[in-house]
Protein backbone atom coordinates (compact mmCIF):
# COMPACT_ATOMS: atom_id res chain seq x y z
CA MET A 1 -141.38 -184.14 103.61
CA ASN A 2 -143.90 -186.73 104.72
CA GLU A 3 -147.67 -186.45 104.54
CA ASP A 4 -148.09 -185.27 108.14
CA GLN A 5 -145.48 -182.54 107.65
CA PHE A 6 -147.21 -181.43 104.48
CA LYS A 7 -150.60 -181.29 106.15
CA GLY A 8 -149.14 -179.30 109.06
CA LYS A 9 -147.49 -176.84 106.70
CA TRP A 10 -150.73 -176.47 104.70
CA LYS A 11 -152.63 -175.71 107.90
CA GLN A 12 -150.10 -172.98 108.74
CA ILE A 13 -150.37 -171.45 105.30
CA LYS A 14 -154.16 -171.65 105.42
CA GLY A 15 -154.24 -169.93 108.86
CA ASP A 16 -151.95 -167.15 107.73
CA PHE A 17 -153.98 -166.69 104.62
CA LYS A 18 -157.27 -166.52 106.57
CA LYS A 19 -155.78 -163.81 108.79
CA LYS A 20 -154.90 -161.72 105.77
CA TYR A 21 -157.90 -162.47 103.58
CA GLY A 22 -160.85 -163.18 105.84
CA LYS A 23 -163.38 -163.12 102.97
CA ILE A 24 -162.17 -166.38 101.53
CA THR A 25 -164.28 -169.24 102.93
CA ASP A 26 -163.42 -172.76 103.98
CA ASP A 27 -165.39 -174.04 100.99
CA GLU A 28 -163.22 -172.02 98.67
CA TYR A 29 -160.18 -173.42 100.45
CA ALA A 30 -161.37 -176.95 100.02
CA GLU A 31 -162.00 -176.28 96.35
CA ALA A 32 -158.50 -174.75 95.88
CA GLU A 33 -156.55 -176.99 98.17
CA GLY A 34 -153.54 -178.42 96.48
CA ASN A 35 -153.92 -176.17 93.48
CA MET A 36 -152.17 -172.86 93.90
CA ASP A 37 -153.24 -171.58 90.51
CA LYS A 38 -156.86 -171.98 91.46
CA LEU A 39 -156.24 -170.34 94.83
CA ALA A 40 -154.54 -167.44 93.02
CA GLY A 41 -157.57 -167.15 90.75
CA LYS A 42 -159.89 -167.03 93.74
CA MET A 43 -157.76 -164.23 95.22
CA GLN A 44 -157.82 -162.34 91.95
CA GLU A 45 -161.55 -162.68 91.65
CA ARG A 46 -162.24 -161.73 95.23
CA TYR A 47 -159.73 -158.86 95.66
CA GLY A 48 -159.28 -157.63 92.10
CA LYS A 49 -155.50 -158.00 92.13
CA SER A 50 -153.36 -158.82 89.12
CA LYS A 51 -152.05 -162.31 88.57
CA GLU A 52 -148.50 -161.05 89.19
CA GLU A 53 -149.49 -159.42 92.49
CA VAL A 54 -151.21 -162.57 93.71
CA LYS A 55 -148.35 -164.86 92.60
CA LYS A 56 -145.87 -162.60 94.41
CA GLU A 57 -147.91 -162.75 97.62
CA ILE A 58 -148.22 -166.56 97.48
CA ASP A 59 -144.47 -166.90 96.79
CA ASN A 60 -143.69 -164.69 99.77
CA TRP A 61 -145.53 -167.10 102.10
């Protein structure tokens, strides 16, 4: 996968995520971009889900 393909895929994931979790902001995305553990932590913090629930949702994308 080249860099353009990766960026396109990331934008798709980001868009899907925004549809599902509208409370997460672009700033939080920028902070978490490229680091799924940090993104999962933000989801846990914001939505009060367990680490396992969040990881499962991310894996299903």
